[in-house]
């Protein structure tokens, strides 16, 4: 009986060691490089005020579009907001803001306090539309060109370096 207990303990020990090994050696970085130079996925997303829908075809008229996924409850979204406000001044860029799993009144308050950098504003109440873009957390942004190709994807809040990179691309 004691021999069986020792064998069970050995298997449990090896199992725990195996789990630690897998968790330590697994690559946890979110690699978005596979999305670059791919077509923007087809989508139909409701405008923030609920009056109409936006589709990818609506973005063909723009030289460049930055699709930004944000929410009022997202602290990093507040951090990136001044960058979005600066980008909103660029004539060669349209910014589509997609409000992610948020309350309308909270989102309005957020934009009222910090300013509205968005040329187009939509909402993804349950997060299902955002999945089409490979969004797994917010804020995230996707830069696309007139041909609806993904040029760049930004995971996390936009930084000054990201701002400079976007300016180099669109000008």
Protein backbone atom coordinates (compact mmCIF):
# COMPACT_ATOMS: atom_id res chain seq x y z
CA UNK A 1 0.00 0.00 0.00
CA UNK A 2 2.82 2.41 0.84
CA UNK A 3 4.44 1.67 -2.54
CA UNK A 4 1.22 2.66 -4.37
CA UNK A 5 1.03 5.93 -2.42
CA UNK A 6 4.66 6.72 -3.36
CA UNK A 7 3.91 6.04 -7.04
CA UNK A 8 0.80 8.27 -6.94
CA UNK A 9 2.80 11.06 -5.28
CA UNK A 10 5.53 10.66 -7.92
CA UNK A 11 2.96 10.96 -10.76
CA UNK A 12 1.39 14.04 -9.15
CA UNK A 13 4.84 15.59 -8.73
CA UNK A 14 5.75 14.89 -12.39
CA UNK A 15 2.38 16.26 -13.53
CA UNK A 16 2.90 19.53 -11.62
CA UNK A 17 6.46 19.85 -12.97
CA UNK A 18 5.11 19.27 -16.49
CA UNK A 19 2.52 22.04 -16.11
CA UNK A 20 5.17 24.48 -14.87
CA UNK A 21 7.48 23.55 -17.75
CA UNK A 22 4.77 24.13 -20.36
CA UNK A 23 3.67 27.43 -18.83
CA UNK A 24 7.23 28.75 -18.62
CA UNK A 25 8.26 27.77 -22.15
CA UNK A 26 5.07 28.75 -23.96
CA UNK A 27 5.24 31.95 -25.99
CA UNK A 28 2.62 34.27 -24.50
CA UNK A 29 3.25 37.24 -26.83
CA UNK A 30 0.34 38.07 -29.07
CA UNK A 31 1.80 38.04 -32.57
CA UNK A 32 -0.18 40.15 -34.99
CA UNK A 33 2.33 40.07 -37.84
CA UNK A 34 0.21 37.51 -39.71
CA UNK A 35 -2.52 40.14 -40.15
CA UNK A 36 -0.29 42.63 -41.97
CA UNK A 37 -0.98 42.88 -45.71
CA UNK A 38 -4.22 40.91 -45.35
CA UNK A 39 -7.65 42.14 -46.37
CA UNK A 40 -9.74 43.86 -43.75
CA UNK A 41 -12.40 41.37 -42.67
CA UNK A 42 -15.96 41.94 -43.82
CA UNK A 43 -18.06 43.52 -41.13
CA UNK A 44 -21.32 45.27 -40.46
CA UNK A 45 -21.34 47.23 -37.25
CA UNK A 46 -24.01 49.54 -35.89
CA UNK A 47 -23.27 53.22 -35.51
CA UNK A 48 -23.04 54.51 -31.96
CA UNK A 49 -26.36 56.33 -32.21
CA UNK A 50 -28.02 53.26 -33.76
CA UNK A 51 -29.13 55.12 -36.89
CA UNK A 52 -27.19 53.11 -39.49
CA UNK A 53 -24.51 50.47 -40.04
CA UNK A 54 -20.91 50.77 -41.16
CA UNK A 55 -19.31 48.18 -43.42
CA UNK A 56 -15.82 47.77 -44.80
CA UNK A 57 -17.06 49.25 -48.10
CA UNK A 58 -17.65 52.55 -46.28
CA UNK A 59 -13.90 52.74 -45.68
CA UNK A 60 -12.90 52.50 -49.37
CA UNK A 61 -13.36 56.24 -49.80
CA UNK A 62 -10.63 57.02 -47.24
CA UNK A 63 -6.94 57.09 -48.08
CA UNK A 64 -6.24 55.64 -44.63
CA UNK A 65 -8.49 54.55 -41.80
CA UNK A 66 -7.48 53.88 -38.23
CA UNK A 67 -9.95 51.56 -36.52
CA UNK A 68 -9.67 52.05 -32.77
CA UNK A 69 -11.33 49.73 -30.24
CA UNK A 70 -11.96 51.50 -26.92
CA UNK A 71 -14.20 51.72 -23.86
CA UNK A 72 -14.87 54.22 -21.09
CA UNK A 73 -13.96 51.64 -18.42
CA UNK A 74 -10.55 51.03 -20.01
CA UNK A 75 -7.74 52.93 -18.21
CA UNK A 76 -5.21 52.46 -21.07
CA UNK A 77 -7.81 53.98 -23.43
CA UNK A 78 -7.51 57.21 -21.43
CA UNK A 79 -3.72 57.03 -21.80
CA UNK A 80 -3.88 56.79 -25.61
CA UNK A 81 -6.65 59.37 -26.04
CA UNK A 82 -4.33 62.40 -26.50
CA UNK A 83 -2.59 60.52 -29.34
CA UNK A 84 -5.96 59.91 -31.01
CA UNK A 85 -6.81 63.58 -30.60
CA UNK A 86 -3.56 64.52 -32.39
CA UNK A 87 -4.22 61.98 -35.15
CA UNK A 88 -7.73 63.37 -35.64
CA UNK A 89 -6.14 66.57 -37.00
CA UNK A 90 -4.59 64.71 -39.96
CA UNK A 91 -6.54 65.20 -43.16
CA UNK A 92 -5.32 61.98 -44.78
CA UNK A 93 -6.71 59.80 -41.98
CA UNK A 94 -10.23 58.84 -40.92
CA UNK A 95 -10.62 57.38 -37.44
CA UNK A 96 -13.36 54.83 -36.82
CA UNK A 97 -13.92 54.36 -33.11
CA UNK A 98 -15.57 51.11 -32.06
CA UNK A 99 -16.87 51.30 -28.52
CA UNK A 100 -16.33 47.86 -26.97
CA UNK A 101 -18.72 46.30 -24.43
CA UNK A 102 -19.59 49.62 -22.86
CA UNK A 103 -22.58 51.54 -21.53
CA UNK A 104 -23.69 54.29 -23.94
CA UNK A 105 -23.99 56.95 -21.22
CA UNK A 106 -20.49 56.15 -19.88
CA UNK A 107 -19.02 56.27 -23.40
CA UNK A 108 -20.68 59.64 -24.07
CA UNK A 109 -19.32 60.99 -20.78
CA UNK A 110 -15.81 59.74 -21.69
CA UNK A 111 -15.92 61.57 -25.05
CA UNK A 112 -17.44 64.66 -23.49
CA UNK A 113 -14.63 64.88 -20.94
CA UNK A 114 -11.69 64.03 -23.22
CA UNK A 115 -12.91 65.08 -26.65
CA UNK A 116 -14.12 63.06 -29.62
CA UNK A 117 -11.33 62.15 -32.06
CA UNK A 118 -13.57 59.88 -34.15
CA UNK A 119 -14.86 60.69 -37.61
CA UNK A 120 -17.06 57.60 -37.42
CA UNK A 121 -18.33 56.09 -34.20
CA UNK A 122 -19.75 52.59 -33.80
CA UNK A 123 -20.49 50.23 -30.94
CA UNK A 124 -19.86 46.56 -30.34
CA UNK A 125 -22.11 45.93 -27.36
CA UNK A 126 -21.27 42.23 -26.94
CA UNK A 127 -17.78 42.12 -28.50
CA UNK A 128 -18.71 39.75 -31.33
CA UNK A 129 -17.83 42.12 -34.17
CA UNK A 130 -14.40 42.85 -32.69
CA UNK A 131 -13.47 39.17 -32.88
CA UNK A 132 -13.47 39.47 -36.68
CA UNK A 133 -10.54 41.86 -36.35
CA UNK A 134 -8.59 39.59 -34.00
CA UNK A 135 -9.21 41.87 -31.05
CA UNK A 136 -8.57 40.16 -27.74
CA UNK A 137 -8.28 43.18 -25.47
CA UNK A 138 -8.54 46.92 -25.65
CA UNK A 139 -7.30 49.33 -26.63
CA UNK A 140 -6.23 48.01 -29.99
CA UNK A 141 -6.00 49.81 -33.30
CA UNK A 142 -5.75 48.73 -36.92
CA UNK A 143 -4.46 50.95 -39.71
CA UNK A 144 -5.82 50.16 -43.17
CA UNK A 145 -5.33 51.72 -46.57
CA UNK A 146 -7.71 52.60 -49.42
CA UNK A 147 -7.48 49.04 -50.76
CA UNK A 148 -8.73 47.80 -47.36
CA UNK A 149 -5.43 46.09 -46.58
CA UNK A 150 -4.20 45.99 -43.00
CA UNK A 151 -0.99 47.99 -42.87
CA UNK A 152 -0.35 47.84 -39.13
CA UNK A 153 -1.97 46.58 -35.94
CA UNK A 154 -1.30 48.18 -32.58
CA UNK A 155 -1.94 46.13 -29.44
CA UNK A 156 -2.33 48.26 -26.33
CA UNK A 157 -2.49 52.03 -26.05
CA UNK A 158 -1.02 54.04 -28.91
CA UNK A 159 2.29 55.65 -27.97
CA UNK A 160 4.19 58.62 -29.37
CA UNK A 161 6.32 56.14 -31.36
CA UNK A 162 3.12 54.66 -32.82
CA UNK A 163 1.96 58.18 -33.67
CA UNK A 164 5.21 58.88 -35.53
CA UNK A 165 4.94 55.54 -37.35
CA UNK A 166 1.37 56.29 -38.46
CA UNK A 167 2.36 59.78 -39.65
CA UNK A 168 5.23 58.35 -41.73
CA UNK A 169 2.82 55.91 -43.39
CA UNK A 170 -0.01 58.33 -44.17
CA UNK A 171 1.99 61.36 -45.31
